[in-house]
Amino acid sequence: MEKIDEGEFAIYIDDSGSPKPDPKDQYPFFAMGGVLIKRNDEQIIKQLSRWAEKFTAM
């Protein structure tokens, strides 16, 4: 039986759209997504942070 890595994880969640969509809006949608990354994979977390900064600056 394989040993399961029970280390820490980091979750990054983002949402898009109105929390109370109006059917009359051009885009009456709400979406949520995210990624779950092992805390030991710090390089991936740093890359994700740099990638996310592009969108928060908009």
PDB file of N, CA and C in Angstrom:
ATOM      1  N   MET A   1       0.832  -1.176   0.000  1.00  0.00           N
ATOM      2  CA  MET A   1       0.000   0.000   0.000  1.00  0.00           C
ATOM      3  C   MET A   1       0.884   1.248   0.000  1.00  0.00           C
ATOM      4  N   GLU A   2       0.542   2.230  -0.853  1.00  0.00           N
ATOM      5  CA  GLU A   2       1.334   3.455  -0.955  1.00  0.00           C
ATOM      6  C   GLU A   2       1.066   4.387   0.222  1.00  0.00           C
ATOM      7  N   LYS A   3       2.127   5.059   0.655  1.00  0.00           N
ATOM      8  CA  LYS A   3       1.985   6.031   1.730  1.00  0.00           C
ATOM      9  C   LYS A   3       1.400   7.324   1.159  1.00  0.00           C
ATOM     10  N   ILE A   4       0.404   7.887   1.824  1.00  0.00           N
ATOM     11  CA  ILE A   4      -0.232   9.120   1.378  1.00  0.00           C
ATOM     12  C   ILE A   4       0.464  10.300   2.047  1.00  0.00           C
ATOM     13  N   ASP A   5       0.821  11.303   1.244  1.00  0.00           N
ATOM     14  CA  ASP A   5       1.432  12.526   1.772  1.00  0.00           C
ATOM     15  C   ASP A   5       0.338  13.369   2.408  1.00  0.00           C
ATOM     16  N   GLU A   6       0.420  13.540   3.726  1.00  0.00           N
ATOM     17  CA  GLU A   6      -0.596  14.304   4.430  1.00  0.00           C
ATOM     18  C   GLU A   6      -0.099  15.704   4.773  1.00  0.00           C
ATOM     19  N   GLY A   7       0.741  16.282   3.909  1.00  0.00           N
ATOM     20  CA  GLY A   7       1.274  17.616   4.148  1.00  0.00           C
ATOM     21  C   GLY A   7       0.225  18.698   3.994  1.00  0.00           C
ATOM     22  N   GLU A   8       0.654  19.925   4.180  1.00  0.00           N
ATOM     23  CA  GLU A   8      -0.254  21.056   4.060  1.00  0.00           C
ATOM     24  C   GLU A   8      -0.508  21.399   2.603  1.00  0.00           C
ATOM     25  N   PHE A   9      -1.651  22.013   2.378  1.00  0.00           N
ATOM     26  CA  PHE A   9      -2.019  22.463   1.045  1.00  0.00           C
ATOM     27  C   PHE A   9      -2.417  23.931   1.113  1.00  0.00           C
ATOM     28  N   ALA A  10      -2.300  24.598  -0.011  1.00  0.00           N
ATOM     29  CA  ALA A  10      -2.768  25.975  -0.150  1.00  0.00           C
ATOM     30  C   ALA A  10      -3.874  25.969  -1.196  1.00  0.00           C
ATOM     31  N   ILE A  11      -4.949  26.691  -0.928  1.00  0.00           N
ATOM     32  CA  ILE A  11      -6.035  26.780  -1.903  1.00  0.00           C
ATOM     33  C   ILE A  11      -6.195  28.245  -2.299  1.00  0.00           C
ATOM     34  N   TYR A  12      -6.291  28.468  -3.586  1.00  0.00           N
ATOM     35  CA  TYR A  12      -6.484  29.800  -4.141  1.00  0.00           C
ATOM     36  C   TYR A  12      -7.831  29.794  -4.847  1.00  0.00           C
ATOM     37  N   ILE A  13      -8.733  30.672  -4.419  1.00  0.00           N
ATOM     38  CA  ILE A  13     -10.087  30.718  -4.965  1.00  0.00           C
ATOM     39  C   ILE A  13     -10.344  32.110  -5.524  1.00  0.00           C
ATOM     40  N   ASP A  14     -11.055  32.160  -6.645  1.00  0.00           N
ATOM     41  CA  ASP A  14     -11.424  33.429  -7.252  1.00  0.00           C
ATOM     42  C   ASP A  14     -12.857  33.321  -7.762  1.00  0.00           C
ATOM     43  N   ASP A  15     -13.521  34.463  -7.786  1.00  0.00           N
ATOM     44  CA  ASP A  15     -14.877  34.487  -8.310  1.00  0.00           C
ATOM     45  C   ASP A  15     -14.980  35.529  -9.412  1.00  0.00           C
ATOM     46  N   SER A  16     -16.013  35.411 -10.195  1.00  0.00           N
ATOM     47  CA  SER A  16     -16.221  36.326 -11.313  1.00  0.00           C
ATOM     48  C   SER A  16     -17.711  36.575 -11.457  1.00  0.00           C
ATOM     49  N   GLY A  17     -18.061  37.794 -11.750  1.00  0.00           N
ATOM     50  CA  GLY A  17     -19.461  38.113 -11.976  1.00  0.00           C
ATOM     51  C   GLY A  17     -20.127  38.668 -10.731  1.00  0.00           C
ATOM     52  N   SER A  18     -21.410  38.910 -10.856  1.00  0.00           N
ATOM     53  CA  SER A  18     -22.193  39.482  -9.779  1.00  0.00           C
ATOM     54  C   SER A  18     -22.668  38.386  -8.827  1.00  0.00           C
ATOM     55  N   PRO A  19     -22.603  38.621  -7.508  1.00  0.00           N
ATOM     56  CA  PRO A  19     -23.120  37.618  -6.586  1.00  0.00           C
ATOM     57  C   PRO A  19     -24.650  37.520  -6.655  1.00  0.00           C
ATOM     58  N   LYS A  20     -25.299  38.542  -7.218  1.00  0.00           N
ATOM     59  CA  LYS A  20     -26.751  38.530  -7.410  1.00  0.00           C
ATOM     60  C   LYS A  20     -27.039  38.851  -8.874  1.00  0.00           C
ATOM     61  N   PRO A  21     -26.844  37.882  -9.768  1.00  0.00           N
ATOM     62  CA  PRO A  21     -27.035  38.144 -11.200  1.00  0.00           C
ATOM     63  C   PRO A  21     -28.458  38.601 -11.523  1.00  0.00           C
ATOM     64  N   ASP A  22     -28.553  39.544 -12.418  1.00  0.00           N
ATOM     65  CA  ASP A  22     -29.834  40.053 -12.899  1.00  0.00           C
ATOM     66  C   ASP A  22     -30.046  39.497 -14.306  1.00  0.00           C
ATOM     67  N   PRO A  23     -31.158  38.800 -14.566  1.00  0.00           N
ATOM     68  CA  PRO A  23     -31.395  38.237 -15.899  1.00  0.00           C
ATOM     69  C   PRO A  23     -31.342  39.276 -17.023  1.00  0.00           C
ATOM     70  N   LYS A  24     -31.497  40.556 -16.670  1.00  0.00           N
ATOM     71  CA  LYS A  24     -31.461  41.621 -17.685  1.00  0.00           C
ATOM     72  C   LYS A  24     -30.027  42.048 -18.028  1.00  0.00           C
ATOM     73  N   ASP A  25     -29.049  41.640 -17.222  1.00  0.00           N
ATOM     74  CA  ASP A  25     -27.646  41.972 -17.499  1.00  0.00           C
ATOM     75  C   ASP A  25     -27.185  41.279 -18.774  1.00  0.00           C
ATOM     76  N   GLN A  26     -26.175  41.852 -19.419  1.00  0.00           N
ATOM     77  CA  GLN A  26     -25.620  41.240 -20.627  1.00  0.00           C
ATOM     78  C   GLN A  26     -25.062  39.852 -20.310  1.00  0.00           C
ATOM     79  N   TYR A  27     -24.393  39.718 -19.163  1.00  0.00           N
ATOM     80  CA  TYR A  27     -23.829  38.435 -18.738  1.00  0.00           C
ATOM     81  C   TYR A  27     -24.348  38.120 -17.337  1.00  0.00           C
ATOM     82  N   PRO A  28     -25.521  37.519 -17.214  1.00  0.00           N
ATOM     83  CA  PRO A  28     -26.109  37.265 -15.890  1.00  0.00           C
ATOM     84  C   PRO A  28     -25.571  35.990 -15.241  1.00  0.00           C
ATOM     85  N   PHE A  29     -24.254  35.932 -15.070  1.00  0.00           N
ATOM     86  CA  PHE A  29     -23.634  34.724 -14.554  1.00  0.00           C
ATOM     87  C   PHE A  29     -22.752  35.025 -13.358  1.00  0.00           C
ATOM     88  N   PHE A  30     -22.517  33.995 -12.582  1.00  0.00           N
ATOM     89  CA  PHE A  30     -21.564  34.047 -11.482  1.00  0.00           C
ATOM     90  C   PHE A  30     -20.745  32.760 -11.560  1.00  0.00           C
ATOM     91  N   ALA A  31     -19.439  32.874 -11.408  1.00  0.00           N
ATOM     92  CA  ALA A  31     -18.575  31.696 -11.495  1.00  0.00           C
ATOM     93  C   ALA A  31     -17.550  31.723 -10.371  1.00  0.00           C
ATOM     94  N   MET A  32     -17.128  30.543  -9.966  1.00  0.00           N
ATOM     95  CA  MET A  32     -16.083  30.425  -8.955  1.00  0.00           C
ATOM     96  C   MET A  32     -15.153  29.290  -9.361  1.00  0.00           C
ATOM     97  N   GLY A  33     -13.879  29.507  -9.154  1.00  0.00           N
ATOM     98  CA  GLY A  33     -12.902  28.484  -9.486  1.00  0.00           C
ATOM     99  C   GLY A  33     -11.721  28.580  -8.541  1.00  0.00           C
ATOM    100  N   GLY A  34     -10.865  27.588  -8.593  1.00  0.00           N
ATOM    101  CA  GLY A  34      -9.709  27.617  -7.720  1.00  0.00           C
ATOM    102  C   GLY A  34      -8.742  26.496  -8.017  1.00  0.00           C
ATOM    103  N   VAL A  35      -7.611  26.551  -7.329  1.00  0.00           N
ATOM    104  CA  VAL A  35      -6.588  25.510  -7.457  1.00  0.00           C
ATOM    105  C   VAL A  35      -6.135  25.115  -6.059  1.00  0.00           C
ATOM    106  N   LEU A  36      -5.767  23.846  -5.912  1.00  0.00           N
ATOM    107  CA  LEU A  36      -5.258  23.304  -4.668  1.00  0.00           C
ATOM    108  C   LEU A  36      -3.834  22.829  -4.928  1.00  0.00           C
ATOM    109  N   ILE A  37      -2.877  23.360  -4.154  1.00  0.00           N
ATOM    110  CA  ILE A  37      -1.458  23.092  -4.394  1.00  0.00           C
ATOM    111  C   ILE A  37      -0.803  22.639  -3.101  1.00  0.00           C
ATOM    112  N   LYS A  38       0.076  21.632  -3.193  1.00  0.00           N
ATOM    113  CA  LYS A  38       0.838  21.211  -2.020  1.00  0.00           C
ATOM    114  C   LYS A  38       1.701  22.376  -1.545  1.00  0.00           C
ATOM    115  N   ARG A  39       1.707  22.602  -0.263  1.00  0.00           N
ATOM    116  CA  ARG A  39       2.464  23.709   0.327  1.00  0.00           C
ATOM    117  C   ARG A  39       3.957  23.577   0.010  1.00  0.00           C
ATOM    118  N   ASN A  40       4.460  22.347  -0.161  1.00  0.00           N
ATOM    119  CA  ASN A  40       5.876  22.138  -0.462  1.00  0.00           C
ATOM    120  C   ASN A  40       6.251  22.593  -1.873  1.00  0.00           C
ATOM    121  N   ASP A  41       5.274  22.753  -2.745  1.00  0.00           N
ATOM    122  CA  ASP A  41       5.548  23.175  -4.120  1.00  0.00           C
ATOM    123  C   ASP A  41       5.581  24.700  -4.208  1.00  0.00           C
ATOM    124  N   GLU A  42       6.473  25.306  -3.439  1.00  0.00           N
ATOM    125  CA  GLU A  42       6.533  26.759  -3.334  1.00  0.00           C
ATOM    126  C   GLU A  42       6.763  27.440  -4.677  1.00  0.00           C
ATOM    127  N   GLN A  43       7.508  26.817  -5.567  1.00  0.00           N
ATOM    128  CA  GLN A  43       7.783  27.420  -6.866  1.00  0.00           C
ATOM    129  C   GLN A  43       6.489  27.594  -7.662  1.00  0.00           C
ATOM    130  N   ILE A  44       5.617  26.614  -7.613  1.00  0.00           N
ATOM    131  CA  ILE A  44       4.331  26.713  -8.310  1.00  0.00           C
ATOM    132  C   ILE A  44       3.489  27.823  -7.697  1.00  0.00           C
ATOM    133  N   ILE A  45       3.507  27.938  -6.372  1.00  0.00           N
ATOM    134  CA  ILE A  45       2.747  28.988  -5.697  1.00  0.00           C
ATOM    135  C   ILE A  45       3.251  30.365  -6.125  1.00  0.00           C
ATOM    136  N   LYS A  46       4.563  30.537  -6.215  1.00  0.00           N
ATOM    137  CA  LYS A  46       5.128  31.821  -6.645  1.00  0.00           C
ATOM    138  C   LYS A  46       4.736  32.137  -8.085  1.00  0.00           C
ATOM    139  N   GLN A  47       4.769  31.141  -8.966  1.00  0.00           N
ATOM    140  CA  GLN A  47       4.374  31.354 -10.356  1.00  0.00           C
ATOM    141  C   GLN A  47       2.899  31.716 -10.438  1.00  0.00           C
ATOM    142  N   LEU A  48       2.066  31.049  -9.667  1.00  0.00           N
ATOM    143  CA  LEU A  48       0.642  31.337  -9.659  1.00  0.00           C
ATOM    144  C   LEU A  48       0.388  32.757  -9.160  1.00  0.00           C
ATOM    145  N   SER A  49       1.116  33.175  -8.146  1.00  0.00           N
ATOM    146  CA  SER A  49       0.950  34.523  -7.605  1.00  0.00           C
ATOM    147  C   SER A  49       1.301  35.580  -8.647  1.00  0.00           C
ATOM    148  N   ARG A  50       2.391  35.365  -9.382  1.00  0.00           N
ATOM    149  CA  ARG A  50       2.776  36.315 -10.444  1.00  0.00           C
ATOM    150  C   ARG A  50       1.729  36.338 -11.548  1.00  0.00           C
ATOM    151  N   TRP A  51       1.184  35.164 -11.897  1.00  0.00           N
ATOM    152  CA  TRP A  51       0.161  35.073 -12.929  1.00  0.00           C
ATOM    153  C   TRP A  51      -1.102  35.803 -12.483  1.00  0.00           C
ATOM    154  N   ALA A  52      -1.506  35.635 -11.233  1.00  0.00           N
ATOM    155  CA  ALA A  52      -2.722  36.256 -10.725  1.00  0.00           C
ATOM    156  C   ALA A  52      -2.593  37.780 -10.647  1.00  0.00           C
ATOM    157  N   GLU A  53      -1.389  38.285 -10.407  1.00  0.00           N
ATOM    158  CA  GLU A  53      -1.180  39.737 -10.333  1.00  0.00           C
ATOM    159  C   GLU A  53      -1.552  40.432 -11.630  1.00  0.00           C
ATOM    160  N   LYS A  54      -1.420  39.749 -12.757  1.00  0.00           N
ATOM    161  CA  LYS A  54      -1.782  40.324 -14.049  1.00  0.00           C
ATOM    162  C   LYS A  54      -3.265  40.686 -14.082  1.00  0.00           C
ATOM    163  N   PHE A  55      -4.095  39.879 -13.428  1.00  0.00           N
ATOM    164  CA  PHE A  55      -5.534  40.090 -13.472  1.00  0.00           C
ATOM    165  C   PHE A  55      -6.022  41.051 -12.400  1.00  0.00           C
ATOM    166  N   THR A  56      -5.343  41.101 -11.265  1.00  0.00           N
ATOM    167  CA  THR A  56      -5.763  42.023 -10.201  1.00  0.00           C
ATOM    168  C   THR A  56      -5.407  43.446 -10.560  1.00  0.00           C
ATOM    169  N   ALA A  57      -4.451  43.641 -11.469  1.00  0.00           N
ATOM    170  CA  ALA A  57      -4.051  44.983 -11.884  1.00  0.00           C
ATOM    171  C   ALA A  57      -5.019  45.574 -12.914  1.00  0.00           C
ATOM    172  N   MET A  58      -5.897  44.738 -13.462  1.00  0.00           N
ATOM    173  CA  MET A  58      -6.818  45.217 -14.502  1.00  0.00           C
ATOM    174  C   MET A  58      -7.921  46.054 -13.917  1.00  0.00           C
TER     175      MET A  58
END
